[in-house]
Full PDB file with SEQRES, HELIX, SHEET, SSBOND, CRYST1, ORIGX, SCALE, CONECT and MASTER records, all heavy atoms in Angstrom:
SEQRES   1 A   30  LEU PHE ALA ALA GLU GLN PRO ASP LEU ASN TRP THR HIS          
SEQRES   2 A   30  PRO ASP VAL VAL ARG GLU HIS GLU ASP ILE LEU ARG PHE          
SEQRES   3 A   30  TRP PHE ASP ARG                                              
HELIX    1 AA1 PRO A   14  PHE A   28  1                                  15    
CRYST1    1.000    1.000    1.000  90.00  90.00  90.00 P 1           1          
ORIGX1      1.000000  0.000000  0.000000        0.00000                         
ORIGX2      0.000000  1.000000  0.000000        0.00000                         
ORIGX3      0.000000  0.000000  1.000000        0.00000                         
SCALE1      1.000000  0.000000  0.000000        0.00000                         
SCALE2      0.000000  1.000000  0.000000        0.00000                         
SCALE3      0.000000  0.000000  1.000000        0.00000                         
ATOM      1  N   LEU A   1    -108.551 224.121 -76.087  1.00  0.00           N  
ATOM      2  CA  LEU A   1    -108.835 224.160 -77.520  1.00  0.00           C  
ATOM      3  C   LEU A   1    -110.278 223.800 -77.819  1.00  0.00           C  
ATOM      4  O   LEU A   1    -110.736 223.974 -78.956  1.00  0.00           O  
ATOM      5  CB  LEU A   1    -107.906 223.204 -78.268  1.00  0.00           C  
ATOM      6  CG  LEU A   1    -106.414 223.559 -78.270  1.00  0.00           C  
ATOM      7  CD1 LEU A   1    -105.638 222.520 -79.069  1.00  0.00           C  
ATOM      8  CD2 LEU A   1    -106.177 224.950 -78.831  1.00  0.00           C  
ATOM      9  N   PHE A   2    -110.983 223.314 -76.807  1.00  0.00           N  
ATOM     10  CA  PHE A   2    -112.392 222.969 -76.974  1.00  0.00           C  
ATOM     11  C   PHE A   2    -113.197 223.811 -75.961  1.00  0.00           C  
ATOM     12  O   PHE A   2    -112.986 225.015 -75.896  1.00  0.00           O  
ATOM     13  CB  PHE A   2    -112.582 221.458 -76.821  1.00  0.00           C  
ATOM     14  CG  PHE A   2    -111.898 220.680 -77.928  1.00  0.00           C  
ATOM     15  CD1 PHE A   2    -110.539 220.371 -77.857  1.00  0.00           C  
ATOM     16  CD2 PHE A   2    -112.596 220.292 -79.064  1.00  0.00           C  
ATOM     17  CE1 PHE A   2    -109.898 219.682 -78.880  1.00  0.00           C  
ATOM     18  CE2 PHE A   2    -111.967 219.606 -80.100  1.00  0.00           C  
ATOM     19  CZ  PHE A   2    -110.619 219.302 -80.008  1.00  0.00           C  
ATOM     20  N   ALA A   3    -114.062 223.225 -75.193  1.00  0.00           N  
ATOM     21  CA  ALA A   3    -114.875 224.003 -74.251  1.00  0.00           C  
ATOM     22  C   ALA A   3    -114.038 224.446 -73.050  1.00  0.00           C  
ATOM     23  O   ALA A   3    -113.025 223.829 -72.706  1.00  0.00           O  
ATOM     24  CB  ALA A   3    -116.061 223.174 -73.780  1.00  0.00           C  
ATOM     25  N   ALA A   4    -114.483 225.515 -72.380  1.00  0.00           N  
ATOM     26  CA  ALA A   4    -113.774 226.002 -71.193  1.00  0.00           C  
ATOM     27  C   ALA A   4    -113.750 224.948 -70.097  1.00  0.00           C  
ATOM     28  O   ALA A   4    -112.855 224.955 -69.239  1.00  0.00           O  
ATOM     29  CB  ALA A   4    -114.433 227.281 -70.687  1.00  0.00           C  
ATOM     30  N   GLU A   5    -114.712 224.039 -70.121  1.00  0.00           N  
ATOM     31  CA  GLU A   5    -114.770 222.955 -69.135  1.00  0.00           C  
ATOM     32  C   GLU A   5    -113.818 221.810 -69.462  1.00  0.00           C  
ATOM     33  O   GLU A   5    -113.816 220.790 -68.776  1.00  0.00           O  
ATOM     34  CB  GLU A   5    -116.206 222.421 -69.041  1.00  0.00           C  
ATOM     35  CG  GLU A   5    -117.230 223.430 -68.553  1.00  0.00           C  
ATOM     36  CD  GLU A   5    -117.820 224.278 -69.673  1.00  0.00           C  
ATOM     37  OE1 GLU A   5    -117.311 224.191 -70.824  1.00  0.00           O  
ATOM     38  OE2 GLU A   5    -118.781 225.035 -69.416  1.00  0.00           O  
ATOM     39  N   GLN A   6    -112.992 222.000 -70.516  1.00  0.00           N  
ATOM     40  CA  GLN A   6    -112.065 220.958 -70.966  1.00  0.00           C  
ATOM     41  C   GLN A   6    -110.635 221.510 -71.038  1.00  0.00           C  
ATOM     42  O   GLN A   6    -110.096 221.729 -72.116  1.00  0.00           O  
ATOM     43  CB  GLN A   6    -112.497 220.433 -72.339  1.00  0.00           C  
ATOM     44  CG  GLN A   6    -113.851 219.728 -72.328  1.00  0.00           C  
ATOM     45  CD  GLN A   6    -114.371 219.466 -73.728  1.00  0.00           C  
ATOM     46  OE1 GLN A   6    -114.670 220.397 -74.469  1.00  0.00           O  
ATOM     47  NE2 GLN A   6    -114.479 218.198 -74.095  1.00  0.00           N  
ATOM     48  N   PRO A   7    -109.991 221.745 -69.894  1.00  0.00           N  
ATOM     49  CA  PRO A   7    -108.635 222.307 -69.913  1.00  0.00           C  
ATOM     50  C   PRO A   7    -107.627 221.352 -70.561  1.00  0.00           C  
ATOM     51  O   PRO A   7    -107.623 220.153 -70.294  1.00  0.00           O  
ATOM     52  CB  PRO A   7    -108.325 222.507 -68.424  1.00  0.00           C  
ATOM     53  CG  PRO A   7    -109.227 221.553 -67.704  1.00  0.00           C  
ATOM     54  CD  PRO A   7    -110.482 221.506 -68.520  1.00  0.00           C  
ATOM     55  N   ASP A   8    -106.775 221.906 -71.420  1.00  0.00           N  
ATOM     56  CA  ASP A   8    -105.791 221.095 -72.134  1.00  0.00           C  
ATOM     57  C   ASP A   8    -104.676 220.647 -71.197  1.00  0.00           C  
ATOM     58  O   ASP A   8    -104.172 221.421 -70.372  1.00  0.00           O  
ATOM     59  CB  ASP A   8    -105.181 221.905 -73.283  1.00  0.00           C  
ATOM     60  CG  ASP A   8    -106.074 221.950 -74.496  1.00  0.00           C  
ATOM     61  OD1 ASP A   8    -107.304 221.902 -74.320  1.00  0.00           O  
ATOM     62  OD2 ASP A   8    -105.545 222.045 -75.619  1.00  0.00           O  
ATOM     63  N   LEU A   9    -104.257 219.396 -71.373  1.00  0.00           N  
ATOM     64  CA  LEU A   9    -103.146 218.841 -70.612  1.00  0.00           C  
ATOM     65  C   LEU A   9    -101.813 219.212 -71.251  1.00  0.00           C  
ATOM     66  O   LEU A   9    -101.723 219.404 -72.466  1.00  0.00           O  
ATOM     67  CB  LEU A   9    -103.270 217.320 -70.545  1.00  0.00           C  
ATOM     68  CG  LEU A   9    -104.420 216.780 -69.685  1.00  0.00           C  
ATOM     69  CD1 LEU A   9    -104.685 215.326 -70.010  1.00  0.00           C  
ATOM     70  CD2 LEU A   9    -104.116 216.956 -68.196  1.00  0.00           C  
ATOM     71  N   ASN A  10    -100.778 219.273 -70.426  1.00  0.00           N  
ATOM     72  CA  ASN A  10     -99.428 219.552 -70.887  1.00  0.00           C  
ATOM     73  C   ASN A  10     -98.670 218.235 -70.999  1.00  0.00           C  
ATOM     74  O   ASN A  10     -98.255 217.649 -69.999  1.00  0.00           O  
ATOM     75  CB  ASN A  10     -98.723 220.490 -69.906  1.00  0.00           C  
ATOM     76  CG  ASN A  10     -97.288 220.749 -70.289  1.00  0.00           C  
ATOM     77  OD1 ASN A  10     -96.816 220.329 -71.350  1.00  0.00           O  
ATOM     78  ND2 ASN A  10     -96.559 221.449 -69.433  1.00  0.00           N  
ATOM     79  N   TRP A  11     -98.475 217.761 -72.229  1.00  0.00           N  
ATOM     80  CA  TRP A  11     -97.884 216.441 -72.455  1.00  0.00           C  
ATOM     81  C   TRP A  11     -96.368 216.425 -72.313  1.00  0.00           C  
ATOM     82  O   TRP A  11     -95.738 215.392 -72.534  1.00  0.00           O  
ATOM     83  CB  TRP A  11     -98.328 215.902 -73.812  1.00  0.00           C  
ATOM     84  CG  TRP A  11     -99.643 215.198 -73.661  1.00  0.00           C  
ATOM     85  CD1 TRP A  11    -100.891 215.746 -73.720  1.00  0.00           C  
ATOM     86  CD2 TRP A  11     -99.822 213.817 -73.369  1.00  0.00           C  
ATOM     87  NE1 TRP A  11    -101.841 214.783 -73.494  1.00  0.00           N  
ATOM     88  CE2 TRP A  11    -101.220 213.592 -73.283  1.00  0.00           C  
ATOM     89  CE3 TRP A  11     -98.960 212.750 -73.195  1.00  0.00           C  
ATOM     90  CZ2 TRP A  11    -101.757 212.339 -73.011  1.00  0.00           C  
ATOM     91  CZ3 TRP A  11     -99.475 211.505 -72.931  1.00  0.00           C  
ATOM     92  CH2 TRP A  11    -100.866 211.308 -72.838  1.00  0.00           C  
ATOM     93  N   THR A  12     -95.778 217.529 -71.918  1.00  0.00           N  
ATOM     94  CA  THR A  12     -94.361 217.480 -71.555  1.00  0.00           C  
ATOM     95  C   THR A  12     -94.184 217.160 -70.076  1.00  0.00           C  
ATOM     96  O   THR A  12     -93.042 216.966 -69.629  1.00  0.00           O  
ATOM     97  CB  THR A  12     -93.662 218.820 -71.868  1.00  0.00           C  
ATOM     98  OG1 THR A  12     -94.178 219.855 -71.013  1.00  0.00           O  
ATOM     99  CG2 THR A  12     -93.867 219.211 -73.325  1.00  0.00           C  
ATOM    100  N   HIS A  13     -95.273 217.077 -69.334  1.00  0.00           N  
ATOM    101  CA  HIS A  13     -95.192 216.767 -67.906  1.00  0.00           C  
ATOM    102  C   HIS A  13     -95.208 215.250 -67.717  1.00  0.00           C  
ATOM    103  O   HIS A  13     -96.095 214.561 -68.234  1.00  0.00           O  
ATOM    104  CB  HIS A  13     -96.362 217.400 -67.157  1.00  0.00           C  
ATOM    105  CG  HIS A  13     -96.160 217.468 -65.673  1.00  0.00           C  
ATOM    106  ND1 HIS A  13     -96.103 216.349 -64.886  1.00  0.00           N  
ATOM    107  CD2 HIS A  13     -95.995 218.530 -64.835  1.00  0.00           C  
ATOM    108  CE1 HIS A  13     -95.921 216.709 -63.623  1.00  0.00           C  
ATOM    109  NE2 HIS A  13     -95.839 218.027 -63.570  1.00  0.00           N  
ATOM    110  N   PRO A  14     -94.271 214.686 -66.973  1.00  0.00           N  
ATOM    111  CA  PRO A  14     -94.206 213.221 -66.834  1.00  0.00           C  
ATOM    112  C   PRO A  14     -95.443 212.610 -66.192  1.00  0.00           C  
ATOM    113  O   PRO A  14     -95.780 211.454 -66.486  1.00  0.00           O  
ATOM    114  CB  PRO A  14     -92.957 212.996 -65.977  1.00  0.00           C  
ATOM    115  CG  PRO A  14     -92.682 214.304 -65.314  1.00  0.00           C  
ATOM    116  CD  PRO A  14     -93.150 215.350 -66.266  1.00  0.00           C  
ATOM    117  N   ASP A  15     -96.136 213.347 -65.322  1.00  0.00           N  
ATOM    118  CA  ASP A  15     -97.360 212.814 -64.711  1.00  0.00           C  
ATOM    119  C   ASP A  15     -98.417 212.508 -65.776  1.00  0.00           C  
ATOM    120  O   ASP A  15     -99.132 211.507 -65.692  1.00  0.00           O  
ATOM    121  CB  ASP A  15     -97.941 213.797 -63.705  1.00  0.00           C  
ATOM    122  CG  ASP A  15     -97.137 213.889 -62.424  1.00  0.00           C  
ATOM    123  OD1 ASP A  15     -96.161 213.134 -62.279  1.00  0.00           O  
ATOM    124  OD2 ASP A  15     -97.492 214.731 -61.575  1.00  0.00           O  
ATOM    125  N   VAL A  16     -98.520 213.387 -66.766  1.00  0.00           N  
ATOM    126  CA  VAL A  16     -99.522 213.215 -67.819  1.00  0.00           C  
ATOM    127  C   VAL A  16     -99.207 211.976 -68.650  1.00  0.00           C  
ATOM    128  O   VAL A  16    -100.086 211.160 -68.947  1.00  0.00           O  
ATOM    129  CB  VAL A  16     -99.592 214.476 -68.702  1.00  0.00           C  
ATOM    130  CG1 VAL A  16    -100.555 214.270 -69.870  1.00  0.00           C  
ATOM    131  CG2 VAL A  16    -100.011 215.688 -67.874  1.00  0.00           C  
ATOM    132  N   VAL A  17     -97.948 211.822 -69.000  1.00  0.00           N  
ATOM    133  CA  VAL A  17     -97.527 210.657 -69.791  1.00  0.00           C  
ATOM    134  C   VAL A  17     -97.783 209.365 -69.015  1.00  0.00           C  
ATOM    135  O   VAL A  17     -98.377 208.414 -69.529  1.00  0.00           O  
ATOM    136  CB  VAL A  17     -96.036 210.784 -70.164  1.00  0.00           C  
ATOM    137  CG1 VAL A  17     -95.563 209.522 -70.890  1.00  0.00           C  
ATOM    138  CG2 VAL A  17     -95.808 212.020 -71.022  1.00  0.00           C  
ATOM    139  N   ARG A  18     -97.342 209.335 -67.773  1.00  0.00           N  
ATOM    140  CA  ARG A  18     -97.458 208.119 -66.946  1.00  0.00           C  
ATOM    141  C   ARG A  18     -98.919 207.770 -66.671  1.00  0.00           C  
ATOM    142  O   ARG A  18     -99.316 206.597 -66.765  1.00  0.00           O  
ATOM    143  CB  ARG A  18     -96.701 208.333 -65.635  1.00  0.00           C  
ATOM    144  CG  ARG A  18     -96.685 207.125 -64.712  1.00  0.00           C  
ATOM    145  CD  ARG A  18     -95.706 207.341 -63.569  1.00  0.00           C  
ATOM    146  NE  ARG A  18     -95.888 208.619 -62.900  1.00  0.00           N  
ATOM    147  CZ  ARG A  18     -95.008 209.628 -62.962  1.00  0.00           C  
ATOM    148  NH1 ARG A  18     -93.899 209.506 -63.675  1.00  0.00           N  
ATOM    149  NH2 ARG A  18     -95.238 210.757 -62.312  1.00  0.00           N  
ATOM    150  N   GLU A  19     -99.732 208.759 -66.368  1.00  0.00           N  
ATOM    151  CA  GLU A  19    -101.136 208.502 -66.040  1.00  0.00           C  
ATOM    152  C   GLU A  19    -101.878 207.878 -67.215  1.00  0.00           C  
ATOM    153  O   GLU A  19    -102.652 206.936 -67.045  1.00  0.00           O  
ATOM    154  CB  GLU A  19    -101.816 209.805 -65.620  1.00  0.00           C  
ATOM    155  CG  GLU A  19    -103.337 209.758 -65.527  1.00  0.00           C  
ATOM    156  CD  GLU A  19    -103.871 208.859 -64.421  1.00  0.00           C  
ATOM    157  OE1 GLU A  19    -103.067 208.251 -63.683  1.00  0.00           O  
ATOM    158  OE2 GLU A  19    -105.101 208.763 -64.295  1.00  0.00           O  
ATOM    159  N   HIS A  20    -101.640 208.367 -68.402  1.00  0.00           N  
ATOM    160  CA  HIS A  20    -102.381 207.825 -69.544  1.00  0.00           C  
ATOM    161  C   HIS A  20    -101.931 206.419 -69.904  1.00  0.00           C  
ATOM    162  O   HIS A  20    -102.751 205.595 -70.336  1.00  0.00           O  
ATOM    163  CB  HIS A  20    -102.279 208.786 -70.734  1.00  0.00           C  
ATOM    164  CG  HIS A  20    -103.192 209.961 -70.610  1.00  0.00           C  
ATOM    165  ND1 HIS A  20    -102.915 211.034 -69.791  1.00  0.00           N  
ATOM    166  CD2 HIS A  20    -104.411 210.224 -71.166  1.00  0.00           C  
ATOM    167  CE1 HIS A  20    -103.899 211.905 -69.856  1.00  0.00           C  
ATOM    168  NE2 HIS A  20    -104.825 211.436 -70.682  1.00  0.00           N  
ATOM    169  N   GLU A  21    -100.669 206.108 -69.720  1.00  0.00           N  
ATOM    170  CA  GLU A  21    -100.240 204.730 -69.938  1.00  0.00           C  
ATOM    171  C   GLU A  21    -100.856 203.800 -68.900  1.00  0.00           C  
ATOM    172  O   GLU A  21    -101.224 202.654 -69.218  1.00  0.00           O  
ATOM    173  CB  GLU A  21     -98.715 204.662 -69.920  1.00  0.00           C  
ATOM    174  CG  GLU A  21     -98.097 205.355 -71.134  1.00  0.00           C  
ATOM    175  CD  GLU A  21     -96.580 205.411 -71.087  1.00  0.00           C  
ATOM    176  OE1 GLU A  21     -95.977 204.780 -70.192  1.00  0.00           O  
ATOM    177  OE2 GLU A  21     -95.993 206.085 -71.961  1.00  0.00           O  
ATOM    178  N   ASP A  22    -101.018 204.292 -67.684  1.00  0.00           N  
ATOM    179  CA  ASP A  22    -101.694 203.493 -66.658  1.00  0.00           C  
ATOM    180  C   ASP A  22    -103.168 203.289 -67.003  1.00  0.00           C  
ATOM    181  O   ASP A  22    -103.734 202.220 -66.749  1.00  0.00           O  
ATOM    182  CB  ASP A  22    -101.571 204.170 -65.292  1.00  0.00           C  
ATOM    183  CG  ASP A  22    -100.172 204.066 -64.700  1.00  0.00           C  
ATOM    184  OD1 ASP A  22     -99.364 203.279 -65.233  1.00  0.00           O  
ATOM    185  OD2 ASP A  22     -99.882 204.774 -63.716  1.00  0.00           O  
ATOM    186  N   ILE A  23    -103.794 204.308 -67.578  1.00  0.00           N  
ATOM    187  CA  ILE A  23    -105.205 204.193 -67.990  1.00  0.00           C  
ATOM    188  C   ILE A  23    -105.353 203.121 -69.071  1.00  0.00           C  
ATOM    189  O   ILE A  23    -106.287 202.308 -69.042  1.00  0.00           O  
ATOM    190  CB  ILE A  23    -105.736 205.553 -68.488  1.00  0.00           C  
ATOM    191  CG1 ILE A  23    -105.890 206.538 -67.314  1.00  0.00           C  
ATOM    192  CG2 ILE A  23    -107.073 205.390 -69.215  1.00  0.00           C  
ATOM    193  CD1 ILE A  23    -106.089 207.976 -67.746  1.00  0.00           C  
ATOM    194  N   LEU A  24    -104.441 203.118 -70.038  1.00  0.00           N  
ATOM    195  CA  LEU A  24    -104.487 202.080 -71.077  1.00  0.00           C  
ATOM    196  C   LEU A  24    -104.422 200.696 -70.449  1.00  0.00           C  
ATOM    197  O   LEU A  24    -105.222 199.807 -70.784  1.00  0.00           O  
ATOM    198  CB  LEU A  24    -103.326 202.253 -72.058  1.00  0.00           C  
ATOM    199  CG  LEU A  24    -103.235 203.545 -72.876  1.00  0.00           C  
ATOM    200  CD1 LEU A  24    -102.093 203.434 -73.877  1.00  0.00           C  
ATOM    201  CD2 LEU A  24    -104.536 203.845 -73.598  1.00  0.00           C  
ATOM    202  N   ARG A  25    -103.487 200.500 -69.541  1.00  0.00           N  
ATOM    203  CA  ARG A  25    -103.334 199.181 -68.909  1.00  0.00           C  
ATOM    204  C   ARG A  25    -104.565 198.809 -68.085  1.00  0.00           C  
ATOM    205  O   ARG A  25    -104.977 197.638 -68.047  1.00  0.00           O  
ATOM    206  CB  ARG A  25    -102.075 199.165 -68.041  1.00  0.00           C  
ATOM    207  CG  ARG A  25    -100.773 199.289 -68.814  1.00  0.00           C  
ATOM    208  CD  ARG A  25     -99.566 199.100 -67.907  1.00  0.00           C  
ATOM    209  NE  ARG A  25     -98.323 199.311 -68.640  1.00  0.00           N  
ATOM    210  CZ  ARG A  25     -97.671 200.472 -68.661  1.00  0.00           C  
ATOM    211  NH1 ARG A  25     -98.146 201.519 -67.983  1.00  0.00           N  
ATOM    212  NH2 ARG A  25     -96.546 200.590 -69.343  1.00  0.00           N  
ATOM    213  N   PHE A  26    -105.140 199.803 -67.402  1.00  0.00           N  
ATOM    214  CA  PHE A  26    -106.326 199.549 -66.587  1.00  0.00           C  
ATOM    215  C   PHE A  26    -107.426 198.910 -67.433  1.00  0.00           C  
ATOM    216  O   PHE A  26    -108.051 197.915 -67.022  1.00  0.00           O  
ATOM    217  CB  PHE A  26    -106.819 200.873 -65.976  1.00  0.00           C  
ATOM    218  CG  PHE A  26    -108.050 200.750 -65.131  1.00  0.00           C  
ATOM    219  CD1 PHE A  26    -107.953 200.474 -63.774  1.00  0.00           C  
ATOM    220  CD2 PHE A  26    -109.321 200.927 -65.674  1.00  0.00           C  
ATOM    221  CE1 PHE A  26    -109.091 200.362 -62.984  1.00  0.00           C  
ATOM    222  CE2 PHE A  26    -110.460 200.819 -64.890  1.00  0.00           C  
ATOM    223  CZ  PHE A  26    -110.347 200.536 -63.540  1.00  0.00           C  
ATOM    224  N   TRP A  27    -107.664 199.445 -68.624  1.00  0.00           N  
ATOM    225  CA  TRP A  27    -108.757 198.943 -69.455  1.00  0.00           C  
ATOM    226  C   TRP A  27    -108.340 197.724 -70.284  1.00  0.00           C  
ATOM    227  O   TRP A  27    -109.133 196.805 -70.488  1.00  0.00           O  
ATOM    228  CB  TRP A  27    -109.307 200.061 -70.335  1.00  0.00           C  
ATOM    229  CG  TRP A  27    -110.134 201.002 -69.513  1.00  0.00           C  
ATOM    230  CD1 TRP A  27    -109.804 202.255 -69.098  1.00  0.00           C  
ATOM    231  CD2 TRP A  27    -111.421 200.728 -68.957  1.00  0.00           C  
ATOM    232  NE1 TRP A  27    -110.808 202.783 -68.320  1.00  0.00           N  
ATOM    233  CE2 TRP A  27    -111.814 201.868 -68.220  1.00  0.00           C  
ATOM    234  CE3 TRP A  27    -112.284 199.629 -69.006  1.00  0.00           C  
ATOM    235  CZ2 TRP A  27    -113.030 201.935 -67.543  1.00  0.00           C  
ATOM    236  CZ3 TRP A  27    -113.499 199.695 -68.333  1.00  0.00           C  
ATOM    237  CH2 TRP A  27    -113.854 200.840 -67.622  1.00  0.00           C  
ATOM    238  N   PHE A  28    -107.098 197.690 -70.739  1.00  0.00           N  
ATOM    239  CA  PHE A  28    -106.637 196.494 -71.445  1.00  0.00           C  
ATOM    240  C   PHE A  28    -106.694 195.282 -70.525  1.00  0.00           C  
ATOM    241  O   PHE A  28    -107.044 194.171 -70.955  1.00  0.00           O  
ATOM    242  CB  PHE A  28    -105.211 196.691 -71.962  1.00  0.00           C  
ATOM    243  CG  PHE A  28    -105.083 197.635 -73.128  1.00  0.00           C  
ATOM    244  CD1 PHE A  28    -103.873 198.266 -73.396  1.00  0.00           C  
ATOM    245  CD2 PHE A  28    -106.150 197.891 -73.978  1.00  0.00           C  
ATOM    246  CE1 PHE A  28    -103.729 199.116 -74.482  1.00  0.00           C  
ATOM    247  CE2 PHE A  28    -106.031 198.744 -75.062  1.00  0.00           C  
ATOM    248  CZ  PHE A  28    -104.807 199.364 -75.310  1.00  0.00           C  
ATOM    249  N   ASP A  29    -106.355 195.469 -69.254  1.00  0.00           N  
ATOM    250  CA  ASP A  29    -106.417 194.360 -68.303  1.00  0.00           C  
ATOM    251  C   ASP A  29    -107.843 193.850 -68.111  1.00  0.00           C  
ATOM    252  O   ASP A  29    -108.043 192.715 -67.672  1.00  0.00           O  
ATOM    253  CB  ASP A  29    -105.865 194.796 -66.936  1.00  0.00           C  
ATOM    254  CG  ASP A  29    -104.356 195.002 -66.951  1.00  0.00           C  
ATOM    255  OD1 ASP A  29    -103.701 194.594 -67.938  1.00  0.00           O  
ATOM    256  OD2 ASP A  29    -103.836 195.579 -65.975  1.00  0.00           O  
ATOM    257  N   ARG A  30    -108.846 194.655 -68.413  1.00  0.00           N  
ATOM    258  CA  ARG A  30    -110.251 194.279 -68.267  1.00  0.00           C  
ATOM    259  C   ARG A  30    -110.856 193.762 -69.569  1.00  0.00           C  
ATOM    260  O   ARG A  30    -112.071 193.616 -69.663  1.00  0.00           O  
ATOM    261  CB  ARG A  30    -111.045 195.457 -67.707  1.00  0.00           C  
ATOM    262  CG  ARG A  30    -110.803 195.625 -66.216  1.00  0.00           C  
ATOM    263  CD  ARG A  30    -111.110 197.013 -65.673  1.00  0.00           C  
ATOM    264  NE  ARG A  30    -110.916 196.992 -64.221  1.00  0.00           N  
ATOM    265  CZ  ARG A  30    -109.731 197.026 -63.612  1.00  0.00           C  
ATOM    266  NH1 ARG A  30    -108.629 197.105 -64.344  1.00  0.00           N  
ATOM    267  NH2 ARG A  30    -109.648 196.981 -62.294  1.00  0.00           N  
TER     268      ARG A  30                                                      
MASTER        0    0    0    1    0    0    0    6  267    1    0    3          
END                                                                             
């Protein structure tokens, strides 16, 4: 939906959901 260098993620995939929650924790922990 933006630049060709920015492929959209599929948020129905469990990997996408899990990875972003892990990213939140990674930075909140810091």
